[in-house]
Amino acid sequence: MTRLTFDQVNLGDSLPPLRRYITQDIIDQNAVASLDYNPVHINAEWCRAARVLFPDYFTDSPVGHGMMTMSFMASAVAEWAYPRGWITLMECKFIRPVYPGDTITCGGIVTEKHPLGKGRDFVVLELFADNQKAVRVAESTARVLLP
């Protein structure tokens, strides 16, 4: 197994894409794990009746939790930096909803390197999550400590 180190990483390096197919079951499992049972995530009948307004349209389908999408981006980082990299900070912006039936592709690019020495070297990644229509659903910035 190759162990990624700070010296091996270059500005502009891309993370391998990570894809996740979204089902209502995955959203329901995320509700259980997060204890977030908001009906907008788990109740299709409620969504049809409520017609929840997202940025510029109504939806009659449950939508995934934002933190679910963020966890997919974190997984892309973890798979790239495994087993020695460590996410120390992650900030995320949720742009569009994620629906059952969507395929989410996550990836990122190295935008900064900070050689601080003494085990404190880190990189900054600009991360993304896009749906199958190439529509951006989330963006994130992450700091990753690398040996």
Protein backbone atom coordinates (compact mmCIF):
# COMPACT_ATOMS: atom_id res chain seq x y z
CA MET A 1 0.00 0.00 0.00
CA THR A 2 1.37 3.40 -0.98
CA ARG A 3 1.42 5.93 1.83
CA LEU A 4 0.86 9.46 0.62
CA THR A 5 3.30 12.00 2.03
CA PHE A 6 3.42 15.78 1.93
CA ASP A 7 6.46 15.72 -0.40
CA GLN A 8 4.59 13.57 -2.95
CA VAL A 9 1.74 16.07 -3.31
CA ASN A 10 1.90 18.90 -5.85
CA LEU A 11 -0.24 21.96 -6.44
CA GLY A 12 -2.91 21.08 -8.97
CA ASP A 13 -2.99 17.37 -8.10
CA SER A 14 -6.50 15.93 -8.43
CA LEU A 15 -8.16 13.47 -6.12
CA PRO A 16 -9.54 10.34 -7.77
CA PRO A 17 -13.30 10.67 -8.26
CA LEU A 18 -15.61 9.00 -5.77
CA ARG A 19 -19.13 8.11 -6.92
CA ARG A 20 -22.17 7.30 -4.81
CA TYR A 21 -25.60 6.29 -6.10
CA ILE A 22 -28.29 7.74 -3.83
CA THR A 23 -31.34 5.74 -2.80
CA GLN A 24 -34.06 6.55 -0.31
CA ASP A 25 -32.65 3.74 1.83
CA ILE A 26 -29.27 5.53 2.01
CA ILE A 27 -31.02 8.76 3.00
CA ASP A 28 -33.05 6.89 5.64
CA GLN A 29 -29.88 5.30 7.04
CA ASN A 30 -28.30 8.75 7.24
CA ALA A 31 -31.38 9.98 9.14
CA VAL A 32 -30.88 7.19 11.68
CA ALA A 33 -27.15 7.87 12.01
CA SER A 34 -27.62 11.63 12.40
CA LEU A 35 -30.89 11.50 14.35
CA ASP A 36 -32.27 13.98 11.79
CA TYR A 37 -35.77 12.75 10.98
CA ASN A 38 -36.98 15.94 9.31
CA PRO A 39 -39.78 14.85 6.95
CA VAL A 40 -38.11 16.68 4.05
CA HIS A 41 -35.59 13.81 4.11
CA ILE A 42 -37.70 10.75 4.89
CA ASN A 43 -41.39 11.29 4.10
CA ALA A 44 -42.37 11.34 0.41
CA GLU A 45 -46.06 11.98 1.18
CA TRP A 46 -45.18 14.99 3.34
CA CYS A 47 -42.88 16.33 0.58
CA ARG A 48 -45.66 16.02 -2.03
CA ALA A 49 -48.08 17.91 0.25
CA ALA A 50 -45.62 20.56 1.45
CA ARG A 51 -44.04 21.30 -1.95
CA VAL A 52 -40.84 22.54 -0.35
CA LEU A 53 -39.17 25.42 -2.16
CA PHE A 54 -35.51 24.95 -3.04
CA PRO A 55 -33.48 27.71 -4.67
CA ASP A 56 -35.79 28.26 -7.64
CA TYR A 57 -38.20 25.33 -7.83
CA PHE A 58 -40.49 23.15 -5.74
CA THR A 59 -39.73 19.52 -4.96
CA ASP A 60 -42.15 16.74 -4.19
CA SER A 61 -39.42 14.25 -3.37
CA PRO A 62 -37.37 13.76 -0.22
CA VAL A 63 -33.86 15.17 -0.38
CA GLY A 64 -30.61 13.94 1.12
CA HIS A 65 -29.08 15.51 4.20
CA GLY A 66 -26.40 18.10 3.47
CA MET A 67 -24.10 16.33 5.91
CA MET A 68 -24.53 13.13 3.86
CA THR A 69 -23.12 14.94 0.83
CA MET A 70 -20.34 16.40 2.98
CA SER A 71 -19.47 12.90 4.20
CA PHE A 72 -19.06 11.76 0.59
CA MET A 73 -16.55 14.58 -0.01
CA ALA A 74 -14.74 13.63 3.20
CA SER A 75 -14.63 10.02 1.98
CA ALA A 76 -12.96 11.16 -1.26
CA VAL A 77 -10.28 12.86 0.86
CA ALA A 78 -9.90 9.88 3.17
CA GLU A 79 -9.46 7.44 0.28
CA TRP A 80 -6.83 9.72 -1.29
CA ALA A 81 -4.88 10.39 1.93
CA TYR A 82 -5.37 6.96 3.58
CA PRO A 83 -3.94 5.75 5.86
CA ARG A 84 -1.86 8.62 7.20
CA GLY A 85 -3.60 11.83 6.14
CA TRP A 86 -5.91 13.58 8.56
CA ILE A 87 -8.65 16.13 7.84
CA THR A 88 -8.22 18.95 10.35
CA LEU A 89 -10.78 21.39 8.97
CA MET A 90 -13.63 21.14 6.49
CA GLU A 91 -16.03 23.90 5.52
CA CYS A 92 -18.89 23.16 3.17
CA LYS A 93 -21.50 25.02 1.14
CA PHE A 94 -24.60 23.12 0.01
CA ILE A 95 -25.79 24.49 -3.33
CA ARG A 96 -28.50 22.17 -4.63
CA PRO A 97 -30.52 19.31 -3.17
CA VAL A 98 -29.58 15.66 -3.66
CA TYR A 99 -32.43 13.33 -4.59
CA PRO A 100 -32.96 9.58 -4.54
CA GLY A 101 -31.81 8.36 -7.95
CA ASP A 102 -28.94 10.86 -8.20
CA THR A 103 -25.37 9.74 -8.71
CA ILE A 104 -23.01 12.04 -6.84
CA THR A 105 -19.40 12.36 -7.98
CA CYS A 106 -16.95 13.91 -5.54
CA GLY A 107 -13.42 15.05 -6.19
CA GLY A 108 -11.01 17.84 -5.54
CA ILE A 109 -7.76 19.58 -6.30
CA VAL A 110 -4.76 20.59 -4.20
CA THR A 111 -4.71 24.40 -4.11
CA GLU A 112 -2.19 25.14 -1.34
CA LYS A 113 0.80 23.49 0.38
CA HIS A 114 1.97 24.58 3.82
CA PRO A 115 5.36 23.10 4.85
CA LEU A 116 5.36 23.89 8.56
CA GLY A 117 7.59 20.99 9.61
CA LYS A 118 7.56 18.87 12.76
CA GLY A 119 4.53 16.85 11.65
CA ARG A 120 2.44 19.95 10.95
CA ASP A 121 2.66 20.00 7.11
CA PHE A 122 -0.74 20.35 5.49
CA VAL A 123 -2.41 20.88 2.13
CA VAL A 124 -5.60 22.71 1.27
CA LEU A 125 -8.08 21.03 -1.05
CA GLU A 126 -10.96 22.56 -2.97
CA LEU A 127 -13.59 19.83 -3.10
CA PHE A 128 -16.79 19.41 -5.08
CA ALA A 129 -19.83 17.19 -5.34
CA ASP A 130 -21.69 17.07 -8.68
CA ASN A 131 -24.79 15.15 -9.68
CA GLN A 132 -25.15 13.01 -12.81
CA LYS A 133 -26.17 16.11 -14.81
CA ALA A 134 -22.82 17.76 -13.92
CA VAL A 135 -24.69 20.21 -11.66
CA ARG A 136 -22.72 21.23 -8.59
CA VAL A 137 -24.57 20.27 -5.42
CA ALA A 138 -21.86 21.16 -2.87
CA GLU A 139 -18.43 22.72 -2.52
CA SER A 140 -15.94 22.43 0.29
CA THR A 141 -12.52 23.52 1.42
CA ALA A 142 -10.51 21.08 3.51
CA ARG A 143 -7.16 21.14 5.30
CA VAL A 144 -5.40 17.81 5.33
CA LEU A 145 -2.42 17.08 7.56
CA LEU A 146 0.11 14.86 5.76
CA PRO A 147 3.29 13.28 7.13
